[in-house]
N, C-alpha and C. Protein backbone atom coordinates (compact mmCIF):
# COMPACT_ATOMS: atom_id res chain seq x y z
N MET A 1 85.99 65.39 189.02
CA MET A 1 86.27 65.64 190.68
C MET A 1 87.38 64.53 191.59
N LYS A 2 87.71 65.59 191.97
CA LYS A 2 88.78 64.98 193.02
C LYS A 2 88.59 64.30 194.18
N LEU A 3 89.35 63.62 194.85
CA LEU A 3 88.73 62.70 195.84
C LEU A 3 90.23 62.32 197.04
N TYR A 4 90.71 63.20 198.09
CA TYR A 4 91.65 63.62 198.32
C TYR A 4 92.00 62.00 199.56
N VAL A 5 92.78 61.42 199.21
CA VAL A 5 92.95 60.32 200.40
C VAL A 5 93.93 59.68 200.54
N ALA A 6 94.70 59.22 201.60
CA ALA A 6 96.26 58.34 202.69
C ALA A 6 96.15 57.31 202.53
N SER A 7 97.52 56.68 202.33
CA SER A 7 96.52 55.05 202.30
C SER A 7 97.22 54.58 203.89
N ARG A 8 97.39 56.01 204.99
CA ARG A 8 97.54 54.39 205.43
C ARG A 8 96.50 55.20 206.82
N ALA A 9 95.86 56.14 206.63
CA ALA A 9 93.63 56.66 206.84
C ALA A 9 93.05 55.50 206.54
N PRO A 10 91.84 55.35 207.65
CA PRO A 10 90.96 54.46 207.39
C PRO A 10 89.69 55.26 206.46
N SER A 11 89.23 56.43 207.28
CA SER A 11 88.06 56.68 206.81
C SER A 11 88.74 56.76 205.13
N PRO A 12 89.45 56.72 204.74
CA PRO A 12 89.51 56.81 202.97
C PRO A 12 88.79 56.24 202.41
N ARG A 13 88.76 54.90 202.35
CA ARG A 13 89.24 53.48 202.58
C ARG A 13 87.54 53.27 202.68
N ARG A 14 87.14 53.96 203.85
CA ARG A 14 86.14 53.22 203.87
C ARG A 14 85.19 54.24 202.25
N VAL A 15 85.40 54.97 202.85
CA VAL A 15 83.70 55.79 201.32
C VAL A 15 84.60 55.40 200.27
N LEU A 16 86.27 55.01 200.46
CA LEU A 16 86.36 54.10 198.62
C LEU A 16 85.77 52.73 198.81
N MET A 17 85.19 52.28 198.76
CA MET A 17 84.39 51.44 199.19
C MET A 17 83.25 51.45 198.70
N PHE A 18 82.67 53.22 199.99
CA PHE A 18 81.55 53.09 200.33
C PHE A 18 80.97 53.27 197.71
N LEU A 19 82.26 54.19 197.61
CA LEU A 19 82.11 54.21 195.82
C LEU A 19 81.71 52.71 194.74
N VAL A 20 82.32 52.20 195.29
CA VAL A 20 82.48 50.97 194.97
C VAL A 20 81.28 49.87 194.59
N GLU A 21 81.30 50.16 196.13
CA GLU A 21 80.12 49.63 196.54
C GLU A 21 78.57 49.99 195.69
N LYS A 22 78.57 52.02 195.36
CA LYS A 22 77.69 52.71 194.03
C LYS A 22 77.51 52.41 193.14
N GLY A 23 79.32 52.08 192.33
CA GLY A 23 79.64 52.22 191.27
C GLY A 23 79.23 53.53 190.87
N ILE A 24 80.19 53.69 191.23
CA ILE A 24 81.26 55.85 191.29
C ILE A 24 82.09 55.43 190.99
N ASN A 25 83.03 55.92 189.34
CA ASN A 25 83.71 55.27 189.43
C ASN A 25 84.16 56.99 188.47
N GLY A 26 85.54 57.07 187.54
CA GLY A 26 85.94 58.23 187.08
C GLY A 26 86.20 59.60 188.08
N LEU A 27 86.73 59.84 189.38
CA LEU A 27 87.26 60.06 190.47
C LEU A 27 88.39 59.59 190.43
N ASP A 28 89.15 61.22 190.19
CA ASP A 28 90.81 61.15 190.39
C ASP A 28 91.68 61.41 190.96
N LEU A 29 91.79 59.75 191.91
CA LEU A 29 92.83 59.63 193.33
C LEU A 29 93.50 60.58 193.95
N VAL A 30 93.93 61.44 195.00
CA VAL A 30 94.81 62.80 194.93
C VAL A 30 95.65 62.11 196.80
N ASP A 31 96.77 60.81 196.32
CA ASP A 31 96.78 60.92 197.49
C ASP A 31 97.47 62.19 198.47
N VAL A 32 97.34 61.93 199.59
CA VAL A 32 97.78 63.27 200.82
C VAL A 32 98.32 62.57 201.69
N ASP A 33 100.12 63.22 201.66
CA ASP A 33 101.37 61.76 202.24
C ASP A 33 101.53 62.43 204.21
N LEU A 34 100.95 61.13 204.58
CA LEU A 34 101.11 62.22 206.00
C LEU A 34 102.01 62.22 206.26
N ASN A 35 103.32 61.68 206.64
CA ASN A 35 103.90 61.32 206.71
C ASN A 35 105.16 63.27 206.24
N ALA A 36 104.71 62.96 205.33
CA ALA A 36 105.63 64.59 204.85
C ALA A 36 104.42 65.77 204.90
N LEU A 37 102.93 65.30 205.95
CA LEU A 37 102.39 66.83 206.87
C LEU A 37 101.87 67.30 205.51
N GLU A 38 101.53 66.83 204.30
CA GLU A 38 101.27 67.96 203.48
C GLU A 38 99.66 68.14 203.65
N HIS A 39 98.69 67.14 203.84
CA HIS A 39 97.53 67.63 204.65
C HIS A 39 97.59 68.94 205.52
N LYS A 40 98.78 69.06 206.24
CA LYS A 40 99.50 70.69 207.56
C LYS A 40 99.35 71.92 206.46
N GLY A 41 99.37 71.17 204.82
CA GLY A 41 100.47 72.46 204.31
C GLY A 41 99.40 72.99 203.97
N ASP A 42 99.70 75.01 203.46
CA ASP A 42 98.34 75.76 202.88
C ASP A 42 97.98 75.21 202.47
N ALA A 43 97.45 75.22 200.94
CA ALA A 43 97.43 74.10 199.51
C ALA A 43 96.12 73.69 199.86
N TYR A 44 96.25 72.54 200.70
CA TYR A 44 95.60 71.37 201.28
C TYR A 44 94.43 71.96 202.77
N ARG A 45 94.86 72.71 203.73
CA ARG A 45 93.75 73.52 204.33
C ARG A 45 92.47 74.83 203.27
N ALA A 46 93.21 75.16 202.20
CA ALA A 46 92.32 75.69 201.86
C ALA A 46 91.80 75.30 201.14
N LYS A 47 91.43 74.01 200.36
CA LYS A 47 90.30 72.80 200.43
C LYS A 47 89.92 72.24 201.71
N SER A 48 89.89 72.12 202.74
CA SER A 48 90.05 70.83 204.11
C SER A 48 90.43 71.39 205.04
N PRO A 49 89.35 72.78 206.23
CA PRO A 49 90.34 73.61 206.71
C PRO A 49 90.40 73.29 207.79
N LEU A 50 90.16 72.05 208.14
CA LEU A 50 90.24 71.51 209.40
C LEU A 50 91.91 70.63 209.01
N ALA A 51 91.89 70.14 207.68
CA ALA A 51 93.55 69.20 207.23
C ALA A 51 93.27 67.44 208.01
N ARG A 52 92.09 67.37 207.85
CA ARG A 52 91.06 65.96 207.22
C ARG A 52 91.63 65.22 206.40
N VAL A 53 91.71 64.26 205.85
CA VAL A 53 91.50 62.99 205.02
C VAL A 53 89.98 62.25 205.33
N PRO A 54 89.43 62.11 204.28
CA PRO A 54 89.31 62.09 202.89
C PRO A 54 88.44 63.84 202.34
N ALA A 55 89.20 64.07 201.09
CA ALA A 55 88.25 65.47 201.16
C ALA A 55 87.78 65.43 199.41
N LEU A 56 86.51 65.56 199.26
CA LEU A 56 86.30 65.68 197.91
C LEU A 56 85.97 66.28 197.31
N GLU A 57 86.75 67.44 196.17
CA GLU A 57 86.48 67.75 195.46
C GLU A 57 85.05 67.34 194.15
N LEU A 58 84.45 68.79 194.20
CA LEU A 58 83.30 69.10 193.11
C LEU A 58 84.34 69.60 191.84
N ASP A 59 83.31 69.51 190.45
CA ASP A 59 83.89 69.86 189.20
C ASP A 59 83.23 71.18 189.14
N ASP A 60 82.70 71.85 190.28
CA ASP A 60 82.51 73.00 190.34
C ASP A 60 83.13 73.61 191.35
N GLY A 61 84.26 73.22 191.82
CA GLY A 61 84.50 74.01 192.94
C GLY A 61 84.96 73.48 194.44
N ARG A 62 83.69 73.06 194.45
CA ARG A 62 82.84 72.60 195.78
C ARG A 62 84.00 71.86 196.39
N VAL A 63 84.37 71.79 198.09
CA VAL A 63 84.87 70.34 198.81
C VAL A 63 84.12 69.65 199.72
N LEU A 64 84.01 69.17 199.93
CA LEU A 64 83.23 67.74 200.88
C LEU A 64 84.12 67.49 202.16
N THR A 65 84.38 67.81 203.24
CA THR A 65 85.12 67.08 204.44
C THR A 65 83.94 66.49 204.91
């Protein structure tokens, strides 16, 4: 699974805290650079149509935002 995060956004930090509390590990963290507008690009919009972080991409290709 991949978790798309942004270092300056508060919501990905909350998700990471809950993952640690639940003992869930083994996620690949993918940093999305908000300053470079990576979240507005076509590649990220294909995963998260509203261009928001965090987004969790499951092993079967589904994405939870």
